[in-house]
Amino acid sequence: MAFLRSVLHALWMLVTVIPYALAILVASPFAKPDTLYWMAAQWLRLAAGPIGRAILGIRLEVLGFDRLPQGSRSAAVLLVKHQSTLETFLMPALMPHPLAYVFKKELLSVPFFGWAMGRLDMIHIDRGQRARAFAKVVQQGRRLLARGVWVIMFPEGTRIPRGQRGSYKSGGTRLAIETGAPVVPVAVTSAQVWPRKAFIKRPGTVVVSIGEPIPSEGRKPEELMREVEEWIETEMQRLDPQAYR
């Protein structure tokens, strides 16, 4: 049954991503950046919300939503635990502000999905040129944060198996310090239902826990990232104790 549900969900995404992507491509010369973003976010909201619940049996529980910075122009750098593809869908579906992902430019060549991403106001980088890539992240991030777009990064860099801790990189805290934005740590138990690199998804509840914003002024990147890492990993052990035995 889980396999059949996963096939149906994959087919839904495959069939629906094409018209959504085409709509974004057609609208991009005329629509404002935020309009294009919310068009894309609607597809993600459906995939992670009603469709995910109806087909896969995945339900969501959000903790700490009231901790998010308030105001339409408020700035934030979201630093999120990375266990599966699911949280990349969940964050735009949940957050009240447009989000700008920092991602490798190779994704732009993915048919339809990547083409649509290329029309959104996000930060795509060449990981082979690290110094230049980070300079672009700061330049673009400063501009986006100034107009109320939140930057989202996965400090572990790649999806980490359930119950494990990746190597937290300080790029997100460096960006926050450079721009003066607070960092918001987020823990997500997505691997319970959507394991890393797995096709078969299982029914269950995914908990998204949002931490208190941490000011970045006067901090050092490595020190600030250690605080973020400690909060996320401690919260993960509280939310999913079986995985950390």
Protein backbone atom coordinates (compact mmCIF):
# COMPACT_ATOMS: atom_id res chain seq x y z
CA MET A 1 0.00 0.00 0.00
CA ALA A 2 2.83 2.43 0.84
CA PHE A 3 4.42 1.70 -2.55
CA LEU A 4 1.13 2.33 -4.38
CA ARG A 5 0.59 5.57 -2.49
CA SER A 6 4.11 6.70 -3.33
CA VAL A 7 3.58 5.94 -7.03
CA LEU A 8 0.33 7.92 -7.07
CA HIS A 9 1.95 10.89 -5.35
CA ALA A 10 4.90 10.83 -7.75
CA LEU A 11 2.52 10.72 -10.72
CA TRP A 12 0.55 13.66 -9.31
CA MET A 13 3.74 15.70 -8.99
CA LEU A 14 4.95 14.72 -12.46
CA VAL A 15 1.66 15.61 -14.14
CA THR A 16 0.97 18.86 -12.27
CA VAL A 17 4.48 20.34 -12.25
CA ILE A 18 4.30 20.86 -16.02
CA PRO A 19 1.30 23.26 -16.13
CA TYR A 20 2.51 25.10 -13.02
CA ALA A 21 5.99 25.53 -14.49
CA LEU A 22 4.61 26.65 -17.84
CA ALA A 23 2.36 29.18 -16.10
CA ILE A 24 5.39 30.64 -14.30
CA LEU A 25 7.43 30.76 -17.52
CA VAL A 26 4.64 32.53 -19.39
CA ALA A 27 3.91 34.97 -16.55
CA SER A 28 7.54 35.77 -15.70
CA PRO A 29 8.00 38.69 -18.15
CA PHE A 30 4.94 40.46 -16.72
CA ALA A 31 4.46 39.38 -13.08
CA LYS A 32 6.18 40.73 -9.99
CA PRO A 33 8.73 38.45 -8.25
CA ASP A 34 6.47 37.85 -5.25
CA THR A 35 3.57 36.88 -7.53
CA LEU A 36 5.71 34.28 -9.28
CA TYR A 37 6.92 32.97 -5.93
CA TRP A 38 3.40 32.44 -4.56
CA MET A 39 2.40 30.70 -7.79
CA ALA A 40 5.23 28.22 -7.23
CA ALA A 41 4.52 27.97 -3.51
CA GLN A 42 0.93 26.98 -4.23
CA TRP A 43 2.11 23.82 -5.99
CA LEU A 44 4.43 22.99 -3.08
CA ARG A 45 1.63 23.70 -0.61
CA LEU A 46 -0.62 21.23 -2.40
CA ALA A 47 2.09 18.56 -2.67
CA ALA A 48 3.06 18.79 1.01
CA GLY A 49 -0.39 19.58 2.39
CA PRO A 50 -3.76 18.33 1.08
CA ILE A 51 -2.33 15.99 -1.56
CA GLY A 52 0.36 14.61 0.73
CA ARG A 53 -2.24 14.03 3.42
CA ALA A 54 -4.83 12.46 1.09
CA ILE A 55 -2.48 10.20 -0.90
CA LEU A 56 0.47 9.53 1.44
CA GLY A 57 -1.24 9.92 4.80
CA ILE A 58 1.36 12.49 5.93
CA ARG A 59 0.12 15.02 8.47
CA LEU A 60 1.87 18.12 9.77
CA GLU A 61 2.30 19.56 13.25
CA VAL A 62 3.94 22.97 13.58
CA LEU A 63 5.42 24.18 16.87
CA GLY A 64 6.62 27.71 17.58
CA PHE A 65 5.03 29.46 14.59
CA ASP A 66 4.43 32.52 16.78
CA ARG A 67 8.20 32.83 17.31
CA LEU A 68 8.79 33.93 13.71
CA PRO A 69 9.80 37.57 13.20
CA GLN A 70 6.78 39.82 12.73
CA GLY A 71 6.21 42.50 10.11
CA SER A 72 6.09 42.46 6.32
CA ARG A 73 9.66 43.77 6.02
CA SER A 74 11.19 41.73 8.83
CA ALA A 75 14.38 39.85 7.95
CA ALA A 76 15.34 36.29 8.79
CA VAL A 77 17.80 33.60 7.75
CA LEU A 78 16.15 30.20 8.23
CA LEU A 79 18.55 27.38 9.09
CA VAL A 80 16.73 24.07 8.72
CA LYS A 81 17.52 20.46 9.61
CA HIS A 82 17.81 18.50 6.37
CA GLN A 83 16.58 14.88 6.35
CA SER A 84 14.64 14.57 3.10
CA THR A 85 13.11 16.35 0.13
CA LEU A 86 9.97 16.99 2.15
CA GLU A 87 11.24 20.03 4.07
CA THR A 88 12.13 21.77 0.81
CA PHE A 89 8.42 21.54 -0.01
CA LEU A 90 7.23 22.28 3.52
CA MET A 91 9.00 25.56 4.20
CA PRO A 92 7.36 27.60 1.40
CA ALA A 93 4.05 25.97 2.31
CA LEU A 94 4.34 27.12 5.94
CA MET A 95 6.23 30.40 6.01
CA PRO A 96 4.39 33.75 5.83
CA HIS A 97 7.17 35.43 3.81
CA PRO A 98 8.55 34.57 0.38
CA LEU A 99 11.66 32.41 0.69
CA ALA A 100 14.86 32.48 -1.33
CA TYR A 101 16.71 29.18 -1.45
CA VAL A 102 20.46 29.04 -1.94
CA PHE A 103 21.02 26.18 -4.40
CA LYS A 104 23.54 24.88 -6.93
CA LYS A 105 23.02 26.20 -10.44
CA GLU A 106 22.89 22.66 -11.93
CA LEU A 107 19.27 22.40 -10.73
CA LEU A 108 18.29 25.04 -13.29
CA SER A 109 18.66 22.46 -16.07
CA VAL A 110 16.01 20.11 -14.62
CA PRO A 111 13.10 20.14 -17.09
CA PHE A 112 10.11 22.26 -16.02
CA PHE A 113 10.94 22.31 -12.29
CA GLY A 114 14.40 23.83 -12.81
CA TRP A 115 13.23 26.09 -15.61
CA ALA A 116 10.57 27.56 -13.32
CA MET A 117 13.07 27.96 -10.48
CA GLY A 118 15.25 29.98 -12.82
CA ARG A 119 12.48 32.56 -13.15
CA LEU A 120 12.11 32.98 -9.38
CA ASP A 121 14.15 35.50 -7.39
CA MET A 122 16.45 33.03 -5.63
CA ILE A 123 20.20 32.54 -5.21
CA HIS A 124 21.83 29.95 -7.47
CA ILE A 125 25.57 29.50 -7.10
CA ASP A 126 28.53 27.69 -8.61
CA ARG A 127 29.89 25.57 -5.76
CA GLY A 128 33.16 25.18 -7.61
CA GLN A 129 33.93 28.87 -7.00
CA ARG A 130 33.45 29.12 -3.25
CA ALA A 131 34.72 32.65 -2.57
CA ARG A 132 32.81 34.13 -5.50
CA ALA A 133 29.75 32.03 -4.63
CA PHE A 134 29.60 33.36 -1.07
CA ALA A 135 30.07 36.93 -2.27
CA LYS A 136 27.03 36.39 -4.50
CA VAL A 137 25.05 34.94 -1.58
CA VAL A 138 25.77 38.06 0.50
CA GLN A 139 25.05 40.47 -2.34
CA GLN A 140 21.78 38.80 -3.36
CA GLY A 141 20.83 37.97 0.23
CA ARG A 142 21.17 41.60 1.34
CA ARG A 143 18.90 42.73 -1.48
CA LEU A 144 16.29 40.05 -0.81
CA LEU A 145 16.26 40.48 2.96
CA ALA A 146 15.78 44.25 2.54
CA ARG A 147 12.46 43.67 0.78
CA GLY A 148 11.13 41.10 3.23
CA VAL A 149 12.23 37.88 1.51
CA TRP A 150 13.67 35.36 3.96
CA VAL A 151 16.74 33.37 2.95
CA ILE A 152 16.62 29.65 3.71
CA MET A 153 19.66 27.40 3.97
CA PHE A 154 20.36 23.83 5.07
CA PRO A 155 23.56 24.14 7.14
CA GLU A 156 24.33 20.40 6.86
CA GLY A 157 24.51 20.87 3.09
CA THR A 158 22.95 17.53 2.21
CA ARG A 159 20.23 15.21 3.46
CA ILE A 160 21.25 13.41 6.63
CA PRO A 161 19.87 9.96 7.67
CA ARG A 162 17.40 9.87 10.54
CA GLY A 163 19.09 9.95 13.92
CA GLN A 164 22.37 11.30 12.61
CA ARG A 165 24.07 14.70 12.73
CA GLY A 166 25.77 16.20 9.71
CA SER A 167 28.61 18.69 9.59
CA TYR A 168 27.12 22.14 10.11
CA LYS A 169 28.67 24.74 7.79
CA SER A 170 28.76 28.40 8.85
CA GLY A 171 27.61 29.93 5.53
CA GLY A 172 24.16 30.73 6.89
CA THR A 173 25.45 32.46 10.01
CA ARG A 174 28.06 34.34 7.95
CA LEU A 175 25.25 35.68 5.77
CA ALA A 176 23.21 36.66 8.84
CA ILE A 177 26.13 38.52 10.40
CA GLU A 178 26.96 40.29 7.11
CA THR A 179 23.36 41.49 6.73
CA GLY A 180 22.38 41.94 10.38
CA ALA A 181 19.47 39.50 10.05
CA PRO A 182 18.54 37.13 12.90
CA VAL A 183 18.83 33.39 12.38
CA VAL A 184 15.86 31.11 12.97
CA PRO A 185 16.70 27.45 13.69
CA VAL A 186 14.16 24.87 12.52
CA ALA A 187 14.00 21.16 13.42
CA VAL A 188 12.02 18.80 11.14
CA THR A 189 11.24 15.08 11.67
CA SER A 190 10.65 14.43 7.96
CA ALA A 191 12.71 11.22 7.75
CA GLN A 192 10.13 9.36 9.83
CA VAL A 193 7.80 9.35 6.83
CA TRP A 194 9.98 10.37 3.87
CA PRO A 195 13.46 8.83 4.36
CA ARG A 196 16.56 10.20 2.68
CA LYS A 197 16.79 9.14 -1.00
CA ALA A 198 13.78 6.82 -0.57
CA PHE A 199 10.97 6.48 -3.08
CA ILE A 200 8.52 4.83 -0.68
CA LYS A 201 6.92 7.20 1.82
CA ARG A 202 5.07 6.12 4.94
CA PRO A 203 1.99 7.57 6.68
CA GLY A 204 2.66 9.52 9.84
CA THR A 205 3.05 12.95 11.39
CA VAL A 206 5.91 15.30 10.59
CA VAL A 207 6.73 17.81 13.30
CA VAL A 208 8.22 21.18 12.35
CA SER A 209 9.63 22.99 15.38
CA ILE A 210 10.64 26.65 15.02
CA GLY A 211 13.11 28.10 17.49
CA GLU A 212 13.44 31.61 18.83
CA PRO A 213 15.18 34.03 16.44
CA ILE A 214 18.82 34.49 17.46
CA PRO A 215 20.32 37.96 16.92
CA SER A 216 23.47 37.96 14.79
CA GLU A 217 24.95 41.35 15.66
CA GLY A 218 28.38 41.11 17.25
CA ARG A 219 28.58 37.34 16.85
CA LYS A 220 31.20 35.17 15.18
CA PRO A 221 29.95 32.79 12.46
CA GLU A 222 31.31 29.57 13.98
CA GLU A 223 30.11 30.46 17.48
CA LEU A 224 26.64 31.36 16.23
CA MET A 225 26.41 28.17 14.17
CA ARG A 226 27.35 26.08 17.20
CA GLU A 227 24.38 27.62 19.03
CA VAL A 228 22.09 26.89 16.08
CA GLU A 229 23.40 23.31 15.82
CA GLU A 230 22.96 22.69 19.53
CA TRP A 231 19.36 23.89 19.47
CA ILE A 232 18.43 21.90 16.36
CA GLU A 233 20.07 18.65 17.46
CA THR A 234 18.70 18.89 21.01
CA GLU A 235 15.24 19.53 19.62
CA MET A 236 15.57 16.62 17.19
CA GLN A 237 16.35 14.27 20.08
CA ARG A 238 13.31 15.57 21.96
CA LEU A 239 10.98 15.18 18.96
CA ASP A 240 12.29 11.81 17.74
CA PRO A 241 13.89 10.07 20.73
CA GLN A 242 13.65 6.58 19.19
CA ALA A 243 16.02 7.60 16.39
CA TYR A 244 18.70 8.76 18.83
CA ARG A 245 18.84 5.78 21.19
